[in-house]
Amino acid sequence: MNAIVPVLASMLQLYGFVLLARALVSWIPNLGPDNPIVQLLYQITEPVLEPIRRLIPPLGGTIDISILVAYFAVTILAMLLNRMA
């Protein structure tokens, strides 16, 4: 069990970077949804972000904070796991 915890924490940290990459990609106007990198980021992150969007609707109807919520949750969970190891 103790050997799994650091690996899981590292995987969560990596997923946090993937979430940040998706947020940054959304700010680049020249990258359309048909770009393979954008498609990969959406495929990896959408299963986590969609349930968060159902719980927390967009602020003002336009600002989606689901990536921010997911990033903080993943980061906190990774920190807790690192302390357990």
Protein backbone atom coordinates (compact mmCIF):
# COMPACT_ATOMS: atom_id res chain seq x y z
CA MET A 1 0.00 0.00 0.00
CA ASN A 2 2.78 2.45 0.85
CA ALA A 3 4.39 2.01 -2.56
CA ILE A 4 1.17 2.94 -4.35
CA VAL A 5 0.63 6.24 -2.54
CA PRO A 6 3.63 8.14 -4.03
CA VAL A 7 2.82 6.84 -7.50
CA LEU A 8 -0.79 7.97 -7.16
CA ALA A 9 0.32 11.37 -5.87
CA SER A 10 2.65 11.77 -8.87
CA MET A 11 -0.13 10.82 -11.26
CA LEU A 12 -2.41 13.42 -9.67
CA GLN A 13 0.30 16.07 -10.01
CA LEU A 14 0.68 15.15 -13.68
CA TYR A 15 -3.09 15.43 -14.14
CA GLY A 16 -2.92 18.88 -12.56
CA PHE A 17 -0.45 19.90 -15.28
CA VAL A 18 -2.82 18.50 -17.90
CA LEU A 19 -5.62 20.64 -16.45
CA LEU A 20 -3.37 23.71 -16.59
CA ALA A 21 -2.47 22.90 -20.19
CA ARG A 22 -6.15 22.73 -21.09
CA ALA A 23 -6.77 26.10 -19.45
CA LEU A 24 -3.84 27.66 -21.32
CA VAL A 25 -4.88 26.14 -24.64
CA SER A 26 -8.31 27.73 -24.27
CA TRP A 27 -6.63 31.15 -24.29
CA ILE A 28 -4.85 30.58 -27.63
CA PRO A 29 -7.21 31.76 -30.38
CA ASN A 30 -5.39 30.02 -33.26
CA LEU A 31 -5.83 26.52 -31.80
CA GLY A 32 -9.18 25.21 -32.93
CA PRO A 33 -11.03 22.18 -31.61
CA ASP A 34 -9.79 20.12 -34.58
CA ASN A 35 -6.17 20.33 -33.37
CA PRO A 36 -5.01 16.86 -32.16
CA ILE A 37 -3.42 18.27 -29.00
CA VAL A 38 -6.61 20.13 -28.09
CA GLN A 39 -8.66 17.01 -28.74
CA LEU A 40 -6.37 14.92 -26.52
CA LEU A 41 -6.55 17.44 -23.68
CA TYR A 42 -10.35 17.53 -23.92
CA GLN A 43 -10.58 13.72 -23.95
CA ILE A 44 -8.39 13.45 -20.86
CA THR A 45 -10.02 16.22 -18.83
CA GLU A 46 -13.68 16.19 -19.82
CA PRO A 47 -14.63 13.11 -17.71
CA VAL A 48 -13.56 15.05 -14.60
CA LEU A 49 -14.81 18.49 -15.60
CA GLU A 50 -18.31 17.52 -16.74
CA PRO A 51 -19.55 16.38 -13.28
CA ILE A 52 -18.10 19.54 -11.75
CA ARG A 53 -19.98 21.65 -14.30
CA ARG A 54 -23.21 19.93 -13.31
CA LEU A 55 -22.59 20.87 -9.66
CA ILE A 56 -21.27 24.39 -10.25
CA PRO A 57 -22.92 26.24 -13.14
CA PRO A 58 -20.93 28.90 -15.03
CA LEU A 59 -20.67 32.21 -13.19
CA GLY A 60 -22.69 34.89 -14.89
CA GLY A 61 -23.61 32.34 -17.54
CA THR A 62 -20.20 32.57 -19.23
CA ILE A 63 -17.30 32.00 -16.81
CA ASP A 64 -16.55 28.30 -16.36
CA ILE A 65 -14.61 27.68 -13.16
CA SER A 66 -14.69 23.88 -13.38
CA ILE A 67 -11.00 23.70 -14.37
CA LEU A 68 -10.06 25.82 -11.37
CA VAL A 69 -12.11 23.66 -8.98
CA ALA A 70 -10.69 20.44 -10.46
CA TYR A 71 -7.12 21.76 -10.32
CA PHE A 72 -7.38 22.74 -6.65
CA ALA A 73 -9.04 19.43 -5.75
CA VAL A 74 -6.35 17.41 -7.55
CA THR A 75 -3.56 19.50 -6.02
CA ILE A 76 -4.93 19.19 -2.49
CA LEU A 77 -5.45 15.45 -2.89
CA ALA A 78 -1.88 15.02 -4.21
CA MET A 79 -0.50 17.01 -1.25
CA LEU A 80 -2.46 14.87 1.21
CA LEU A 81 -1.18 11.70 -0.41
CA ASN A 82 2.40 12.98 -0.31
CA ARG A 83 2.06 13.61 3.42
CA MET A 84 0.75 10.08 3.94
CA ALA A 85 3.74 8.56 2.15
